Amino acid sequence: MFKGLEILIVDDIFVNRMLLIEIAENLEANYSEARNGKEAIEWLKIKKFDVVFMDIEMPVMNGFETTRFIRKQMQKPICDMPILAITAHNTTELNKNFVESGFTLILSKPYTLEKIERALMKILNKE
């Protein structure tokens, strides 16, 4: 169902990236990795992605800053692409910040293949 999907995985923690890579591979999706928001923006300038998995707390440029930059500073279709916030935070407390920053959907850790599949179905309108 997600074969060939291009995913940009943005997370500063190696283990988190590896888990998301394993999930992407199980989905038969393609992926690229970035360790912070600045690296993510560089990737978005050179490659087309269908969706971004964005961690919130990262050095250099966090997920809120990066998502705001993508939404306000980048050209179409990049600025409109789905961005999935991945966080360990309580999402009800931070929901306003997620919406204001321009995230498409919030997914709280721990994440599983099933959680990611459901989120992708929702944000890519495959339900």
PDB file of N, CA and C in Angstrom:
ATOM      1  N   MET A   1       0.814  -1.205   0.000  1.00  0.00           N
ATOM      2  CA  MET A   1       0.000   0.000   0.000  1.00  0.00           C
ATOM      3  C   MET A   1       0.858   1.271   0.000  1.00  0.00           C
ATOM      4  N   PHE A   2       2.018   1.209   0.640  1.00  0.00           N
ATOM      5  CA  PHE A   2       2.888   2.388   0.709  1.00  0.00           C
ATOM      6  C   PHE A   2       4.181   2.196  -0.076  1.00  0.00           C
ATOM      7  N   LYS A   3       4.195   1.196  -0.946  1.00  0.00           N
ATOM      8  CA  LYS A   3       5.387   0.914  -1.739  1.00  0.00           C
ATOM      9  C   LYS A   3       5.756   2.138  -2.574  1.00  0.00           C
ATOM     10  N   GLY A   4       7.021   2.545  -2.470  1.00  0.00           N
ATOM     11  CA  GLY A   4       7.500   3.685  -3.230  1.00  0.00           C
ATOM     12  C   GLY A   4       7.260   5.036  -2.575  1.00  0.00           C
ATOM     13  N   LEU A   5       6.538   5.060  -1.462  1.00  0.00           N
ATOM     14  CA  LEU A   5       6.313   6.307  -0.739  1.00  0.00           C
ATOM     15  C   LEU A   5       7.663   6.871  -0.295  1.00  0.00           C
ATOM     16  N   GLU A   6       7.873   8.154  -0.464  1.00  0.00           N
ATOM     17  CA  GLU A   6       9.130   8.803  -0.068  1.00  0.00           C
ATOM     18  C   GLU A   6       8.929   9.496   1.276  1.00  0.00           C
ATOM     19  N   ILE A   7       9.642   9.001   2.297  1.00  0.00           N
ATOM     20  CA  ILE A   7       9.515   9.516   3.657  1.00  0.00           C
ATOM     21  C   ILE A   7      10.826  10.170   4.083  1.00  0.00           C
ATOM     22  N   LEU A   8      10.735  11.365   4.652  1.00  0.00           N
ATOM     23  CA  LEU A   8      11.884  12.007   5.279  1.00  0.00           C
ATOM     24  C   LEU A   8      11.735  11.824   6.783  1.00  0.00           C
ATOM     25  N   ILE A   9      12.686  11.134   7.387  1.00  0.00           N
ATOM     26  CA  ILE A   9      12.689  10.863   8.825  1.00  0.00           C
ATOM     27  C   ILE A   9      13.613  11.872   9.489  1.00  0.00           C
ATOM     28  N   VAL A  10      13.056  12.691  10.387  1.00  0.00           N
ATOM     29  CA  VAL A  10      13.831  13.740  11.045  1.00  0.00           C
ATOM     30  C   VAL A  10      13.821  13.502  12.549  1.00  0.00           C
ATOM     31  N   ASP A  11      14.962  13.088  13.079  1.00  0.00           N
ATOM     32  CA  ASP A  11      15.083  12.820  14.520  1.00  0.00           C
ATOM     33  C   ASP A  11      16.561  12.841  14.875  1.00  0.00           C
ATOM     34  N   ASP A  12      16.899  13.461  15.981  1.00  0.00           N
ATOM     35  CA  ASP A  12      18.302  13.553  16.385  1.00  0.00           C
ATOM     36  C   ASP A  12      18.801  12.296  17.080  1.00  0.00           C
ATOM     37  N   ILE A  13      17.904  11.420  17.505  1.00  0.00           N
ATOM     38  CA  ILE A  13      18.301  10.218  18.238  1.00  0.00           C
ATOM     39  C   ILE A  13      18.381   9.031  17.277  1.00  0.00           C
ATOM     40  N   PHE A  14      19.577   8.467  17.199  1.00  0.00           N
ATOM     41  CA  PHE A  14      19.867   7.367  16.270  1.00  0.00           C
ATOM     42  C   PHE A  14      18.878   6.210  16.414  1.00  0.00           C
ATOM     43  N   VAL A  15      18.613   5.779  17.627  1.00  0.00           N
ATOM     44  CA  VAL A  15      17.719   4.638  17.869  1.00  0.00           C
ATOM     45  C   VAL A  15      16.309   4.930  17.347  1.00  0.00           C
ATOM     46  N   ASN A  16      15.837   6.148  17.536  1.00  0.00           N
ATOM     47  CA  ASN A  16      14.510   6.518  17.018  1.00  0.00           C
ATOM     48  C   ASN A  16      14.490   6.464  15.491  1.00  0.00           C
ATOM     49  N   ARG A  17      15.552   6.961  14.865  1.00  0.00           N
ATOM     50  CA  ARG A  17      15.632   6.901  13.394  1.00  0.00           C
ATOM     51  C   ARG A  17      15.636   5.444  12.928  1.00  0.00           C
ATOM     52  N   MET A  18      16.380   4.598  13.626  1.00  0.00           N
ATOM     53  CA  MET A  18      16.460   3.188  13.226  1.00  0.00           C
ATOM     54  C   MET A  18      15.086   2.510  13.321  1.00  0.00           C
ATOM     55  N   LEU A  19      14.330   2.817  14.352  1.00  0.00           N
ATOM     56  CA  LEU A  19      12.985   2.252  14.486  1.00  0.00           C
ATOM     57  C   LEU A  19      12.090   2.723  13.340  1.00  0.00           C
ATOM     58  N   LEU A  20      12.150   4.011  13.029  1.00  0.00           N
ATOM     59  CA  LEU A  20      11.332   4.539  11.932  1.00  0.00           C
ATOM     60  C   LEU A  20      11.783   3.985  10.583  1.00  0.00           C
ATOM     61  N   ILE A  21      13.078   3.757  10.428  1.00  0.00           N
ATOM     62  CA  ILE A  21      13.591   3.145   9.197  1.00  0.00           C
ATOM     63  C   ILE A  21      13.056   1.727   9.055  1.00  0.00           C
ATOM     64  N   GLU A  22      13.070   0.982  10.152  1.00  0.00           N
ATOM     65  CA  GLU A  22      12.541  -0.382  10.126  1.00  0.00           C
ATOM     66  C   GLU A  22      11.060  -0.373   9.738  1.00  0.00           C
ATOM     67  N   ILE A  23      10.317   0.565  10.290  1.00  0.00           N
ATOM     68  CA  ILE A  23       8.899   0.682   9.940  1.00  0.00           C
ATOM     69  C   ILE A  23       8.741   1.044   8.463  1.00  0.00           C
ATOM     70  N   ALA A  24       9.533   1.995   7.974  1.00  0.00           N
ATOM     71  CA  ALA A  24       9.469   2.382   6.558  1.00  0.00           C
ATOM     72  C   ALA A  24       9.781   1.187   5.660  1.00  0.00           C
ATOM     73  N   GLU A  25      10.773   0.415   6.037  1.00  0.00           N
ATOM     74  CA  GLU A  25      11.120  -0.774   5.248  1.00  0.00           C
ATOM     75  C   GLU A  25       9.987  -1.789   5.255  1.00  0.00           C
ATOM     76  N   ASN A  26       9.331  -1.976   6.399  1.00  0.00           N
ATOM     77  CA  ASN A  26       8.186  -2.888   6.467  1.00  0.00           C
ATOM     78  C   ASN A  26       7.023  -2.410   5.601  1.00  0.00           C
ATOM     79  N   LEU A  27       6.920  -1.108   5.438  1.00  0.00           N
ATOM     80  CA  LEU A  27       5.874  -0.530   4.587  1.00  0.00           C
ATOM     81  C   LEU A  27       6.270  -0.528   3.113  1.00  0.00           C
ATOM     82  N   GLU A  28       7.508  -0.952   2.822  1.00  0.00           N
ATOM     83  CA  GLU A  28       8.084  -0.921   1.476  1.00  0.00           C
ATOM     84  C   GLU A  28       8.196   0.507   0.947  1.00  0.00           C
ATOM     85  N   ALA A  29       8.388   1.439   1.871  1.00  0.00           N
ATOM     86  CA  ALA A  29       8.560   2.850   1.510  1.00  0.00           C
ATOM     87  C   ALA A  29      10.050   3.155   1.384  1.00  0.00           C
ATOM     88  N   ASN A  30      10.362   4.211   0.685  1.00  0.00           N
ATOM     89  CA  ASN A  30      11.735   4.717   0.598  1.00  0.00           C
ATOM     90  C   ASN A  30      11.889   5.786   1.668  1.00  0.00           C
ATOM     91  N   TYR A  31      13.112   6.009   2.109  1.00  0.00           N
ATOM     92  CA  TYR A  31      13.316   6.991   3.173  1.00  0.00           C
ATOM     93  C   TYR A  31      14.683   7.646   3.058  1.00  0.00           C
ATOM     94  N   SER A  32      14.755   8.819   3.647  1.00  0.00           N
ATOM     95  CA  SER A  32      16.012   9.534   3.861  1.00  0.00           C
ATOM     96  C   SER A  32      15.982   9.989   5.300  1.00  0.00           C
ATOM     97  N   GLU A  33      17.163  10.248   5.871  1.00  0.00           N
ATOM     98  CA  GLU A  33      17.243  10.630   7.283  1.00  0.00           C
ATOM     99  C   GLU A  33      17.888  11.997   7.451  1.00  0.00           C
ATOM    100  N   ALA A  34      17.396  12.722   8.455  1.00  0.00           N
ATOM    101  CA  ALA A  34      17.993  13.987   8.865  1.00  0.00           C
ATOM    102  C   ALA A  34      18.063  13.987  10.388  1.00  0.00           C
ATOM    103  N   ARG A  35      19.129  14.585  10.934  1.00  0.00           N
ATOM    104  CA  ARG A  35      19.319  14.592  12.390  1.00  0.00           C
ATOM    105  C   ARG A  35      18.772  15.840  13.055  1.00  0.00           C
ATOM    106  N   ASN A  36      18.345  16.822  12.263  1.00  0.00           N
ATOM    107  CA  ASN A  36      17.774  18.053  12.812  1.00  0.00           C
ATOM    108  C   ASN A  36      17.016  18.774  11.703  1.00  0.00           C
ATOM    109  N   GLY A  37      16.353  19.860  12.086  1.00  0.00           N
ATOM    110  CA  GLY A  37      15.548  20.598  11.122  1.00  0.00           C
ATOM    111  C   GLY A  37      16.343  21.209   9.988  1.00  0.00           C
ATOM    112  N   LYS A  38      17.534  21.662  10.271  1.00  0.00           N
ATOM    113  CA  LYS A  38      18.369  22.259   9.215  1.00  0.00           C
ATOM    114  C   LYS A  38      18.690  21.227   8.141  1.00  0.00           C
ATOM    115  N   GLU A  39      19.068  20.016   8.577  1.00  0.00           N
ATOM    116  CA  GLU A  39      19.334  18.951   7.608  1.00  0.00           C
ATOM    117  C   GLU A  39      18.067  18.595   6.836  1.00  0.00           C
ATOM    118  N   ALA A  40      16.927  18.607   7.510  1.00  0.00           N
ATOM    119  CA  ALA A  40      15.658  18.299   6.846  1.00  0.00           C
ATOM    120  C   ALA A  40      15.385  19.300   5.722  1.00  0.00           C
ATOM    121  N   ILE A  41      15.590  20.563   5.995  1.00  0.00           N
ATOM    122  CA  ILE A  41      15.352  21.598   4.981  1.00  0.00           C
ATOM    123  C   ILE A  41      16.286  21.413   3.791  1.00  0.00           C
ATOM    124  N   GLU A  42      17.529  21.050   4.061  1.00  0.00           N
ATOM    125  CA  GLU A  42      18.467  20.781   2.968  1.00  0.00           C
ATOM    126  C   GLU A  42      17.982  19.622   2.105  1.00  0.00           C
ATOM    127  N   TRP A  43      17.482  18.548   2.724  1.00  0.00           N
ATOM    128  CA  TRP A  43      16.925  17.428   1.975  1.00  0.00           C
ATOM    129  C   TRP A  43      15.745  17.878   1.114  1.00  0.00           C
ATOM    130  N   LEU A  44      14.853  18.683   1.709  1.00  0.00           N
ATOM    131  CA  LEU A  44      13.657  19.118   0.992  1.00  0.00           C
ATOM    132  C   LEU A  44      13.984  19.980  -0.224  1.00  0.00           C
ATOM    133  N   LYS A  45      15.135  20.612  -0.217  1.00  0.00           N
ATOM    134  CA  LYS A  45      15.559  21.436  -1.363  1.00  0.00           C
ATOM    135  C   LYS A  45      16.030  20.589  -2.537  1.00  0.00           C
ATOM    136  N   ILE A  46      16.444  19.352  -2.274  1.00  0.00           N
ATOM    137  CA  ILE A  46      17.042  18.547  -3.348  1.00  0.00           C
ATOM    138  C   ILE A  46      16.264  17.283  -3.724  1.00  0.00           C
ATOM    139  N   LYS A  47      15.285  16.910  -2.932  1.00  0.00           N
ATOM    140  CA  LYS A  47      14.558  15.665  -3.199  1.00  0.00           C
ATOM    141  C   LYS A  47      13.079  15.838  -2.883  1.00  0.00           C
ATOM    142  N   LYS A  48      12.231  15.152  -3.669  1.00  0.00           N
ATOM    143  CA  LYS A  48      10.785  15.206  -3.438  1.00  0.00           C
ATOM    144  C   LYS A  48      10.396  14.120  -2.434  1.00  0.00           C
ATOM    145  N   PHE A  49       9.643  14.529  -1.421  1.00  0.00           N
ATOM    146  CA  PHE A  49       9.136  13.601  -0.420  1.00  0.00           C
ATOM    147  C   PHE A  49       7.614  13.671  -0.401  1.00  0.00           C
ATOM    148  N   ASP A  50       7.005  12.572   0.022  1.00  0.00           N
ATOM    149  CA  ASP A  50       5.547  12.516   0.149  1.00  0.00           C
ATOM    150  C   ASP A  50       5.082  12.875   1.549  1.00  0.00           C
ATOM    151  N   VAL A  51       5.945  12.628   2.539  1.00  0.00           N
ATOM    152  CA  VAL A  51       5.585  12.872   3.937  1.00  0.00           C
ATOM    153  C   VAL A  51       6.868  13.027   4.752  1.00  0.00           C
ATOM    154  N   VAL A  52       6.755  13.810   5.847  1.00  0.00           N
ATOM    155  CA  VAL A  52       7.876  13.990   6.768  1.00  0.00           C
ATOM    156  C   VAL A  52       7.456  13.473   8.140  1.00  0.00           C
ATOM    157  N   PHE A  53       8.308  12.655   8.757  1.00  0.00           N
ATOM    158  CA  PHE A  53       8.155  12.257  10.158  1.00  0.00           C
ATOM    159  C   PHE A  53       9.071  13.167  10.947  1.00  0.00           C
ATOM    160  N   MET A  54       8.511  14.082  11.746  1.00  0.00           N
ATOM    161  CA  MET A  54       9.279  15.139  12.399  1.00  0.00           C
ATOM    162  C   MET A  54       9.265  15.008  13.919  1.00  0.00           C
ATOM    163  N   ASP A  55      10.440  14.782  14.490  1.00  0.00           N
ATOM    164  CA  ASP A  55      10.583  14.833  15.943  1.00  0.00           C
ATOM    165  C   ASP A  55      10.431  16.288  16.373  1.00  0.00           C
ATOM    166  N   ILE A  56      10.121  16.504  17.631  1.00  0.00           N
ATOM    167  CA  ILE A  56       9.918  17.860  18.133  1.00  0.00           C
ATOM    168  C   ILE A  56      11.184  18.438  18.746  1.00  0.00           C
ATOM    169  N   GLU A  57      11.781  17.722  19.664  1.00  0.00           N
ATOM    170  CA  GLU A  57      12.957  18.236  20.365  1.00  0.00           C
ATOM    171  C   GLU A  57      14.231  17.762  19.693  1.00  0.00           C
ATOM    172  N   MET A  58      14.907  18.707  19.026  1.00  0.00           N
ATOM    173  CA  MET A  58      16.157  18.417  18.335  1.00  0.00           C
ATOM    174  C   MET A  58      17.076  19.614  18.469  1.00  0.00           C
ATOM    175  N   PRO A  59      18.380  19.381  18.393  1.00  0.00           N
ATOM    176  CA  PRO A  59      19.315  20.506  18.393  1.00  0.00           C
ATOM    177  C   PRO A  59      19.283  21.221  17.037  1.00  0.00           C
ATOM    178  N   VAL A  60      19.923  22.350  16.977  1.00  0.00           N
ATOM    179  CA  VAL A  60      20.079  23.176  15.767  1.00  0.00           C
ATOM    180  C   VAL A  60      18.762  23.841  15.385  1.00  0.00           C
ATOM    181  N   MET A  61      17.750  23.049  15.039  1.00  0.00           N
ATOM    182  CA  MET A  61      16.446  23.580  14.643  1.00  0.00           C
ATOM    183  C   MET A  61      15.414  22.533  15.034  1.00  0.00           C
ATOM    184  N   ASN A  62      14.527  22.861  15.983  1.00  0.00           N
ATOM    185  CA  ASN A  62      13.581  21.857  16.463  1.00  0.00           C
ATOM    186  C   ASN A  62      12.420  21.653  15.484  1.00  0.00           C
ATOM    187  N   GLY A  63      11.547  20.722  15.817  1.00  0.00           N
ATOM    188  CA  GLY A  63      10.445  20.377  14.928  1.00  0.00           C
ATOM    189  C   GLY A  63       9.441  21.488  14.708  1.00  0.00           C
ATOM    190  N   PHE A  64       9.165  22.277  15.752  1.00  0.00           N
ATOM    191  CA  PHE A  64       8.248  23.412  15.586  1.00  0.00           C
ATOM    192  C   PHE A  64       8.831  24.432  14.610  1.00  0.00           C
ATOM    193  N   GLU A  65      10.095  24.813  14.827  1.00  0.00           N
ATOM    194  CA  GLU A  65      10.763  25.797  13.956  1.00  0.00           C
ATOM    195  C   GLU A  65      10.834  25.299  12.522  1.00  0.00           C
ATOM    196  N   THR A  66      11.179  24.042  12.371  1.00  0.00           N
ATOM    197  CA  THR A  66      11.329  23.469  11.036  1.00  0.00           C
ATOM    198  C   THR A  66      10.002  23.431  10.298  1.00  0.00           C
ATOM    199  N   THR A  67       8.957  23.001  10.977  1.00  0.00           N
ATOM    200  CA  THR A  67       7.641  22.918  10.341  1.00  0.00           C
ATOM    201  C   THR A  67       7.140  24.309   9.963  1.00  0.00           C
ATOM    202  N   ARG A  68       7.311  25.291  10.845  1.00  0.00           N
ATOM    203  CA  ARG A  68       6.923  26.669  10.506  1.00  0.00           C
ATOM    204  C   ARG A  68       7.696  27.160   9.289  1.00  0.00           C
ATOM    205  N   PHE A  69       8.997  26.860   9.231  1.00  0.00           N
ATOM    206  CA  PHE A  69       9.813  27.275   8.089  1.00  0.00           C
ATOM    207  C   PHE A  69       9.292  26.633   6.802  1.00  0.00           C
ATOM    208  N   ILE A  70       9.029  25.339   6.843  1.00  0.00           N
ATOM    209  CA  ILE A  70       8.526  24.639   5.658  1.00  0.00           C
ATOM    210  C   ILE A  70       7.218  25.255   5.197  1.00  0.00           C
ATOM    211  N   ARG A  71       6.304  25.500   6.114  1.00  0.00           N
ATOM    212  CA  ARG A  71       4.979  26.032   5.764  1.00  0.00           C
ATOM    213  C   ARG A  71       5.035  27.470   5.244  1.00  0.00           C
ATOM    214  N   LYS A  72       5.937  28.282   5.790  1.00  0.00           N
ATOM    215  CA  LYS A  72       5.949  29.713   5.448  1.00  0.00           C
ATOM    216  C   LYS A  72       7.015  30.123   4.431  1.00  0.00           C
ATOM    217  N   GLN A  73       8.119  29.380   4.361  1.00  0.00           N
ATOM    218  CA  GLN A  73       9.242  29.818   3.534  1.00  0.00           C
ATOM    219  C   GLN A  73       9.493  28.974   2.283  1.00  0.00           C
ATOM    220  N   MET A  74       8.934  27.783   2.221  1.00  0.00           N
ATOM    221  CA  MET A  74       9.225  26.917   1.087  1.00  0.00           C
ATOM    222  C   MET A  74       8.106  26.993   0.050  1.00  0.00           C
ATOM    223  N   GLN A  75       8.462  26.674  -1.174  1.00  0.00           N
ATOM    224  CA  GLN A  75       7.537  26.750  -2.305  1.00  0.00           C
ATOM    225  C   GLN A  75       6.583  25.561  -2.327  1.00  0.00           C
ATOM    226  N   LYS A  76       5.497  25.701  -3.072  1.00  0.00           N
ATOM    227  CA  LYS A  76       4.598  24.577  -3.333  1.00  0.00           C
ATOM    228  C   LYS A  76       5.322  23.607  -4.248  1.00  0.00           C
ATOM    229  N   PRO A  77       5.128  22.338  -4.148  1.00  0.00           N
ATOM    230  CA  PRO A  77       4.225  21.609  -3.274  1.00  0.00           C
ATOM    231  C   PRO A  77       4.848  21.280  -1.902  1.00  0.00           C
ATOM    232  N   ILE A  78       6.120  21.652  -1.708  1.00  0.00           N
ATOM    233  CA  ILE A  78       6.806  21.301  -0.460  1.00  0.00           C
ATOM    234  C   ILE A  78       6.072  21.856   0.752  1.00  0.00           C
ATOM    235  N   CYS A  79       5.650  23.103   0.697  1.00  0.00           N
ATOM    236  CA  CYS A  79       5.021  23.743   1.856  1.00  0.00           C
ATOM    237  C   CYS A  79       3.688  23.098   2.234  1.00  0.00           C
ATOM    238  N   ASP A  80       3.107  22.321   1.332  1.00  0.00           N
ATOM    239  CA  ASP A  80       1.819  21.686   1.593  1.00  0.00           C
ATOM    240  C   ASP A  80       1.917  20.205   1.957  1.00  0.00           C
ATOM    241  N   MET A  81       3.120  19.652   1.958  1.00  0.00           N
ATOM    242  CA  MET A  81       3.256  18.216   2.193  1.00  0.00           C
ATOM    243  C   MET A  81       2.861  17.851   3.617  1.00  0.00           C
ATOM    244  N   PRO A  82       2.347  16.648   3.833  1.00  0.00           N
ATOM    245  CA  PRO A  82       1.990  16.218   5.184  1.00  0.00           C
ATOM    246  C   PRO A  82       3.226  16.108   6.084  1.00  0.00           C
ATOM    247  N   ILE A  83       3.113  16.645   7.287  1.00  0.00           N
ATOM    248  CA  ILE A  83       4.180  16.555   8.277  1.00  0.00           C
ATOM    249  C   ILE A  83       3.586  15.936   9.528  1.00  0.00           C
ATOM    250  N   LEU A  84       4.107  14.771   9.873  1.00  0.00           N
ATOM    251  CA  LEU A  84       3.650  14.014  11.033  1.00  0.00           C
ATOM    252  C   LEU A  84       4.562  14.307  12.212  1.00  0.00           C
ATOM    253  N   ALA A  85       4.013  14.932  13.247  1.00  0.00           N
ATOM    254  CA  ALA A  85       4.785  15.211  14.462  1.00  0.00           C
ATOM    255  C   ALA A  85       4.896  13.930  15.270  1.00  0.00           C
ATOM    256  N   ILE A  86       6.131  13.603  15.648  1.00  0.00           N
ATOM    257  CA  ILE A  86       6.361  12.432  16.482  1.00  0.00           C
ATOM    258  C   ILE A  86       6.974  12.921  17.782  1.00  0.00           C
ATOM    259  N   THR A  87       6.276  12.661  18.888  1.00  0.00           N
ATOM    260  CA  THR A  87       6.717  13.237  20.154  1.00  0.00           C
ATOM    261  C   THR A  87       6.439  12.315  21.337  1.00  0.00           C
ATOM    262  N   ALA A  88       7.222  12.494  22.378  1.00  0.00           N
ATOM    263  CA  ALA A  88       6.986  11.795  23.642  1.00  0.00           C
ATOM    264  C   ALA A  88       6.165  12.674  24.582  1.00  0.00           C
ATOM    265  N   HIS A  89       5.899  13.919  24.181  1.00  0.00           N
ATOM    266  CA  HIS A  89       5.149  14.859  25.012  1.00  0.00           C
ATOM    267  C   HIS A  89       3.677  14.500  25.067  1.00  0.00           C
ATOM    268  N   ASN A  90       3.008  15.013  26.079  1.00  0.00           N
ATOM    269  CA  ASN A  90       1.564  14.887  26.194  1.00  0.00           C
ATOM    270  C   ASN A  90       0.946  15.750  25.097  1.00  0.00           C
ATOM    271  N   THR A  91       0.326  15.121  24.142  1.00  0.00           N
ATOM    272  CA  THR A  91      -0.162  15.853  22.977  1.00  0.00           C
ATOM    273  C   THR A  91      -1.327  16.784  23.287  1.00  0.00           C
ATOM    274  N   THR A  92      -2.115  16.495  24.314  1.00  0.00           N
ATOM    275  CA  THR A  92      -3.234  17.393  24.624  1.00  0.00           C
ATOM    276  C   THR A  92      -2.730  18.732  25.140  1.00  0.00           C
ATOM    277  N   GLU A  93      -1.648  18.739  25.898  1.00  0.00           N
ATOM    278  CA  GLU A  93      -1.091  19.989  26.413  1.00  0.00           C
ATOM    279  C   GLU A  93      -0.452  20.827  25.308  1.00  0.00           C
ATOM    280  N   LEU A  94       0.133  20.168  24.320  1.00  0.00           N
ATOM    281  CA  LEU A  94       0.863  20.891  23.279  1.00  0.00           C
ATOM    282  C   LEU A  94       0.074  21.060  21.989  1.00  0.00           C
ATOM    283  N   ASN A  95      -1.167  20.611  21.970  1.00  0.00           N
ATOM    284  CA  ASN A  95      -1.943  20.582  20.734  1.00  0.00           C
ATOM    285  C   ASN A  95      -1.996  21.939  20.028  1.00  0.00           C
ATOM    286  N   LYS A  96      -2.179  23.028  20.773  1.00  0.00           N
ATOM    287  CA  LYS A  96      -2.245  24.352  20.155  1.00  0.00           C
ATOM    288  C   LYS A  96      -0.954  24.674  19.410  1.00  0.00           C
ATOM    289  N   ASN A  97       0.200  24.376  20.030  1.00  0.00           N
ATOM    290  CA  ASN A  97       1.480  24.626  19.368  1.00  0.00           C
ATOM    291  C   ASN A  97       1.645  23.785  18.107  1.00  0.00           C
ATOM    292  N   PHE A  98       1.168  22.541  18.142  1.00  0.00           N
ATOM    293  CA  PHE A  98       1.272  21.677  16.971  1.00  0.00           C
ATOM    294  C   PHE A  98       0.452  22.250  15.826  1.00  0.00           C
ATOM    295  N   VAL A  99      -0.761  22.667  16.123  1.00  0.00           N
ATOM    296  CA  VAL A  99      -1.644  23.222  15.096  1.00  0.00           C
ATOM    297  C   VAL A  99      -1.057  24.524  14.549  1.00  0.00           C
ATOM    298  N   GLU A 100      -0.635  25.425  15.432  1.00  0.00           N
ATOM    299  CA  GLU A 100      -0.081  26.712  15.006  1.00  0.00           C
ATOM    300  C   GLU A 100       1.191  26.541  14.178  1.00  0.00           C
ATOM    301  N   SER A 101       1.964  25.509  14.475  1.00  0.00           N
ATOM    302  CA  SER A 101       3.203  25.283  13.735  1.00  0.00           C
ATOM    303  C   SER A 101       2.942  24.695  12.356  1.00  0.00           C
ATOM    304  N   GLY A 102       1.793  24.087  12.155  1.00  0.00           N
ATOM    305  CA  GLY A 102       1.447  23.572  10.834  1.00  0.00           C
ATOM    306  C   GLY A 102       1.580  22.072  10.658  1.00  0.00           C
ATOM    307  N   PHE A 103       1.681  21.327  11.752  1.00  0.00           N
ATOM    308  CA  PHE A 103       1.741  19.875  11.629  1.00  0.00           C
ATOM    309  C   PHE A 103       0.410  19.347  11.101  1.00  0.00           C
ATOM    310  N   THR A 104       0.478  18.292  10.319  1.00  0.00           N
ATOM    311  CA  THR A 104      -0.722  17.672   9.783  1.00  0.00           C
ATOM    312  C   THR A 104      -1.380  16.770  10.821  1.00  0.00           C
ATOM    313  N   LEU A 105      -0.549  16.050  11.580  1.00  0.00           N
ATOM    314  CA  LEU A 105      -1.044  15.095  12.561  1.00  0.00           C
ATOM    315  C   LEU A 105       0.028  14.903  13.633  1.00  0.00           C
ATOM    316  N   ILE A 106      -0.408  14.573  14.827  1.00  0.00           N
ATOM    317  CA  ILE A 106       0.498  14.334  15.953  1.00  0.00           C
ATOM    318  C   ILE A 106       0.432  12.857  16.311  1.00  0.00           C
ATOM    319  N   LEU A 107       1.598  12.240  16.476  1.00  0.00           N
ATOM    320  CA  LEU A 107       1.673  10.845  16.882  1.00  0.00           C
ATOM    321  C   LEU A 107       2.575  10.765  18.100  1.00  0.00           C
ATOM    322  N   SER A 108       2.043  10.230  19.190  1.00  0.00           N
ATOM    323  CA  SER A 108       2.847  10.144  20.409  1.00  0.00           C
ATOM    324  C   SER A 108       3.604   8.817  20.461  1.00  0.00           C
ATOM    325  N   LYS A 109       4.801   8.899  21.028  1.00  0.00           N
ATOM    326  CA  LYS A 109       5.618   7.703  21.223  1.00  0.00           C
ATOM    327  C   LYS A 109       5.020   6.911  22.378  1.00  0.00           C
ATOM    328  N   PRO A 110       5.163   5.616  22.431  1.00  0.00           N
ATOM    329  CA  PRO A 110       5.920   4.809  21.477  1.00  0.00           C
ATOM    330  C   PRO A 110       5.114   4.580  20.201  1.00  0.00           C
ATOM    331  N   TYR A 111       5.814   4.528  19.088  1.00  0.00           N
ATOM    332  CA  TYR A 111       5.124   4.277  17.833  1.00  0.00           C
ATOM    333  C   TYR A 111       5.383   2.846  17.381  1.00  0.00           C
ATOM    334  N   THR A 112       4.395   2.321  16.673  1.00  0.00           N
ATOM    335  CA  THR A 112       4.436   0.955  16.161  1.00  0.00           C
ATOM    336  C   THR A 112       4.125   0.999  14.672  1.00  0.00           C
ATOM    337  N   LEU A 113       4.347  -0.109  14.020  1.00  0.00           N
ATOM    338  CA  LEU A 113       4.007  -0.214  12.599  1.00  0.00           C
ATOM    339  C   LEU A 113       2.527   0.097  12.394  1.00  0.00           C
ATOM    340  N   GLU A 114       1.681  -0.431  13.256  1.00  0.00           N
ATOM    341  CA  GLU A 114       0.243  -0.215  13.109  1.00  0.00           C
ATOM    342  C   GLU A 114      -0.131   1.256  13.293  1.00  0.00           C
ATOM    343  N   LYS A 115       0.472   1.913  14.300  1.00  0.00           N
ATOM    344  CA  LYS A 115       0.196   3.339  14.532  1.00  0.00           C
ATOM    345  C   LYS A 115       0.622   4.180  13.331  1.00  0.00           C
ATOM    346  N   ILE A 116       1.793   3.879  12.794  1.00  0.00           N
ATOM    347  CA  ILE A 116       2.299   4.624  11.630  1.00  0.00           C
ATOM    348  C   ILE A 116       1.418   4.362  10.412  1.00  0.00           C
ATOM    349  N   GLU A 117       1.027   3.120  10.198  1.00  0.00           N
ATOM    350  CA  GLU A 117       0.137   2.802   9.066  1.00  0.00           C
ATOM    351  C   GLU A 117      -1.169   3.586   9.154  1.00  0.00           C
ATOM    352  N   ARG A 118      -1.787   3.593  10.339  1.00  0.00           N
ATOM    353  CA  ARG A 118      -3.053   4.329  10.515  1.00  0.00           C
ATOM    354  C   ARG A 118      -2.851   5.820  10.258  1.00  0.00           C
ATOM    355  N   ALA A 119      -1.762   6.372  10.781  1.00  0.00           N
ATOM    356  CA  ALA A 119      -1.478   7.801  10.577  1.00  0.00           C
ATOM    357  C   ALA A 119      -1.283   8.112   9.092  1.00  0.00           C
ATOM    358  N   LEU A 120      -0.522   7.277   8.400  1.00  0.00           N
ATOM    359  CA  LEU A 120      -0.297   7.500   6.965  1.00  0.00           C
ATOM    360  C   LEU A 120      -1.592   7.386   6.166  1.00  0.00           C
ATOM    361  N   MET A 121      -2.411   6.416   6.528  1.00  0.00           N
ATOM    362  CA  MET A 121      -3.709   6.263   5.832  1.00  0.00           C
ATOM    363  C   MET A 121      -4.528   7.537   5.994  1.00  0.00           C
ATOM    364  N   LYS A 122      -4.515   8.085   7.202  1.00  0.00           N
ATOM    365  CA  LYS A 122      -5.290   9.283   7.489  1.00  0.00           C
ATOM    366  C   LYS A 122      -4.739  10.497   6.736  1.00  0.00           C
ATOM    367  N   ILE A 123      -3.428  10.753   6.861  1.00  0.00           N
ATOM    368  CA  ILE A 123      -2.886  11.994   6.278  1.00  0.00           C
ATOM    369  C   ILE A 123      -2.704  11.925   4.762  1.00  0.00           C
ATOM    370  N   LEU A 124      -2.649  10.716   4.209  1.00  0.00           N
ATOM    371  CA  LEU A 124      -2.518  10.578   2.755  1.00  0.00           C
ATOM    372  C   LEU A 124      -3.850  10.258   2.094  1.00  0.00           C
ATOM    373  N   ASN A 125      -4.929  10.361   2.874  1.00  0.00           N
ATOM    374  CA  ASN A 125      -6.300  10.136   2.385  1.00  0.00           C
ATOM    375  C   ASN A 125      -6.467   8.776   1.716  1.00  0.00           C
ATOM    376  N   LYS A 126      -5.944   7.744   2.374  1.00  0.00           N
ATOM    377  CA  LYS A 126      -6.070   6.385   1.837  1.00  0.00           C
ATOM    378  C   LYS A 126      -7.073   5.563   2.651  1.00  0.00           C
ATOM    379  N   GLU A 127      -7.846   6.239   3.501  1.00  0.00           N
ATOM    380  CA  GLU A 127      -8.825   5.512   4.336  1.00  0.00           C
ATOM    381  C   GLU A 127     -10.021   5.108   3.510  1.00  0.00           C
TER     382      GLU A 127
END
